[in-house]
Amino acid sequence: MISANAGDFLPKILGETLEAILSMFGDRIGKLLLKQAVEQNVCNHILASDTDIDAQTYQQMRGKSYQEVLRTNGQISFPEVLRQHSRW
């Protein structure tokens, strides 16, 4: 038996419960992402206050960083980046 609507098989309360849980999870993730963004921005300001690079160097570094994030699927460690910069 095939149904286009999962509600045909699941009780309504189960669907509502799952929806509420997922909504709470989404809210929690949103709050955590905001906190992460604030901390990242603090780090940006600290680095910017103590870094002397021009716009072109920044753009090159940003491009390399973008490619690295794609290549590593976001799994980047600070020690590895530090080793890369030590080789320069």
C-alpha atoms as a PDB file:
ATOM      1  CA  MET A   1       0.000   0.000   0.000  1.00  0.00           C
ATOM      2  CA  ILE A   2       1.488   3.334  -1.091  1.00  0.00           C
ATOM      3  CA  SER A   3       0.366   6.692   0.259  1.00  0.00           C
ATOM      4  CA  ALA A   4       1.401  10.183  -0.770  1.00  0.00           C
ATOM      5  CA  ASN A   5       0.692  11.473   2.724  1.00  0.00           C
ATOM      6  CA  ALA A   6       2.568  10.202   5.770  1.00  0.00           C
ATOM      7  CA  GLY A   7      -0.362  11.430   7.859  1.00  0.00           C
ATOM      8  CA  ASP A   8      -2.301   8.436   6.614  1.00  0.00           C
ATOM      9  CA  PHE A   9      -0.084   6.218   8.768  1.00  0.00           C
ATOM     10  CA  LEU A  10       1.211   8.408  11.585  1.00  0.00           C
ATOM     11  CA  PRO A  11      -1.052   9.691  14.300  1.00  0.00           C
ATOM     12  CA  LYS A  12      -1.538  13.449  14.167  1.00  0.00           C
ATOM     13  CA  ILE A  13      -0.014  13.930  17.633  1.00  0.00           C
ATOM     14  CA  LEU A  14       3.214  12.220  16.542  1.00  0.00           C
ATOM     15  CA  GLY A  15       3.540  14.597  13.609  1.00  0.00           C
ATOM     16  CA  GLU A  16       2.871  17.615  15.829  1.00  0.00           C
ATOM     17  CA  THR A  17       5.395  16.391  18.401  1.00  0.00           C
ATOM     18  CA  LEU A  18       8.080  15.895  15.776  1.00  0.00           C
ATOM     19  CA  GLU A  19       7.343  19.327  14.333  1.00  0.00           C
ATOM     20  CA  ALA A  20       7.698  20.947  17.784  1.00  0.00           C
ATOM     21  CA  ILE A  21      10.961  19.125  18.480  1.00  0.00           C
ATOM     22  CA  LEU A  22      12.414  20.143  15.124  1.00  0.00           C
ATOM     23  CA  SER A  23      11.308  23.730  15.689  1.00  0.00           C
ATOM     24  CA  MET A  24      13.040  23.827  19.083  1.00  0.00           C
ATOM     25  CA  PHE A  25      16.138  22.280  17.521  1.00  0.00           C
ATOM     26  CA  GLY A  26      16.118  24.936  14.789  1.00  0.00           C
ATOM     27  CA  ASP A  27      15.791  27.711  17.369  1.00  0.00           C
ATOM     28  CA  ARG A  28      18.686  26.270  19.383  1.00  0.00           C
ATOM     29  CA  ILE A  29      20.910  25.995  16.302  1.00  0.00           C
ATOM     30  CA  GLY A  30      20.038  29.586  15.385  1.00  0.00           C
ATOM     31  CA  LYS A  31      21.065  30.849  18.831  1.00  0.00           C
ATOM     32  CA  LEU A  32      24.306  28.876  18.726  1.00  0.00           C
ATOM     33  CA  LEU A  33      25.116  30.225  15.263  1.00  0.00           C
ATOM     34  CA  LEU A  34      24.575  33.775  16.530  1.00  0.00           C
ATOM     35  CA  LYS A  35      26.960  33.168  19.442  1.00  0.00           C
ATOM     36  CA  GLN A  36      29.494  31.657  17.033  1.00  0.00           C
ATOM     37  CA  ALA A  37      29.208  34.672  14.723  1.00  0.00           C
ATOM     38  CA  VAL A  38      29.778  37.085  17.628  1.00  0.00           C
ATOM     39  CA  GLU A  39      32.897  35.198  18.738  1.00  0.00           C
ATOM     40  CA  GLN A  40      34.186  35.084  15.160  1.00  0.00           C
ATOM     41  CA  ASN A  41      33.641  38.819  14.841  1.00  0.00           C
ATOM     42  CA  VAL A  42      35.576  39.447  18.077  1.00  0.00           C
ATOM     43  CA  CYS A  43      38.454  37.402  16.628  1.00  0.00           C
ATOM     44  CA  ASN A  44      38.219  39.392  13.391  1.00  0.00           C
ATOM     45  CA  HIS A  45      38.551  42.669  15.282  1.00  0.00           C
ATOM     46  CA  ILE A  46      41.489  41.397  17.339  1.00  0.00           C
ATOM     47  CA  LEU A  47      43.312  40.217  14.219  1.00  0.00           C
ATOM     48  CA  ALA A  48      42.499  43.359  12.245  1.00  0.00           C
ATOM     49  CA  SER A  49      43.847  45.577  15.013  1.00  0.00           C
ATOM     50  CA  ASP A  50      47.211  43.790  14.895  1.00  0.00           C
ATOM     51  CA  THR A  51      47.584  42.895  11.210  1.00  0.00           C
ATOM     52  CA  ASP A  52      49.147  44.940   8.443  1.00  0.00           C
ATOM     53  CA  ILE A  53      48.005  43.406   5.154  1.00  0.00           C
ATOM     54  CA  ASP A  54      46.683  45.171   2.105  1.00  0.00           C
ATOM     55  CA  ALA A  55      43.359  44.479   0.402  1.00  0.00           C
ATOM     56  CA  GLN A  56      44.935  42.395  -2.379  1.00  0.00           C
ATOM     57  CA  THR A  57      46.722  40.099   0.089  1.00  0.00           C
ATOM     58  CA  TYR A  58      43.485  39.724   2.023  1.00  0.00           C
ATOM     59  CA  GLN A  59      41.570  38.770  -1.124  1.00  0.00           C
ATOM     60  CA  GLN A  60      44.214  36.169  -2.037  1.00  0.00           C
ATOM     61  CA  MET A  61      44.102  34.738   1.480  1.00  0.00           C
ATOM     62  CA  ARG A  62      40.307  34.669   1.373  1.00  0.00           C
ATOM     63  CA  GLY A  63      40.347  32.802  -1.935  1.00  0.00           C
ATOM     64  CA  LYS A  64      42.796  30.222  -0.577  1.00  0.00           C
ATOM     65  CA  SER A  65      40.692  29.848   2.560  1.00  0.00           C
ATOM     66  CA  TYR A  66      37.534  29.313   0.523  1.00  0.00           C
ATOM     67  CA  GLN A  67      39.206  26.595  -1.546  1.00  0.00           C
ATOM     68  CA  GLU A  68      40.604  24.961   1.596  1.00  0.00           C
ATOM     69  CA  VAL A  69      37.177  24.854   3.242  1.00  0.00           C
ATOM     70  CA  LEU A  70      35.723  23.212   0.131  1.00  0.00           C
ATOM     71  CA  ARG A  71      38.610  20.743  -0.154  1.00  0.00           C
ATOM     72  CA  THR A  72      38.502  19.709   3.517  1.00  0.00           C
ATOM     73  CA  ASN A  73      34.718  19.872   3.847  1.00  0.00           C
ATOM     74  CA  GLY A  74      35.169  22.454   6.608  1.00  0.00           C
ATOM     75  CA  GLN A  75      37.513  20.319   8.700  1.00  0.00           C
ATOM     76  CA  ILE A  76      40.350  22.792   9.230  1.00  0.00           C
ATOM     77  CA  SER A  77      42.689  22.748  12.187  1.00  0.00           C
ATOM     78  CA  PHE A  78      44.662  25.733  13.423  1.00  0.00           C
ATOM     79  CA  PRO A  79      47.882  23.697  13.856  1.00  0.00           C
ATOM     80  CA  GLU A  80      47.741  22.692  10.174  1.00  0.00           C
ATOM     81  CA  VAL A  81      47.242  26.302   9.065  1.00  0.00           C
ATOM     82  CA  LEU A  82      50.105  27.348  11.343  1.00  0.00           C
ATOM     83  CA  ARG A  83      52.372  24.713   9.747  1.00  0.00           C
ATOM     84  CA  GLN A  84      51.438  26.002   6.286  1.00  0.00           C
ATOM     85  CA  HIS A  85      52.321  29.570   7.234  1.00  0.00           C
ATOM     86  CA  SER A  86      55.594  28.460   8.814  1.00  0.00           C
ATOM     87  CA  ARG A  87      56.678  27.067   5.437  1.00  0.00           C
ATOM     88  CA  TRP A  88      56.202  30.460   3.731  1.00  0.00           C
END
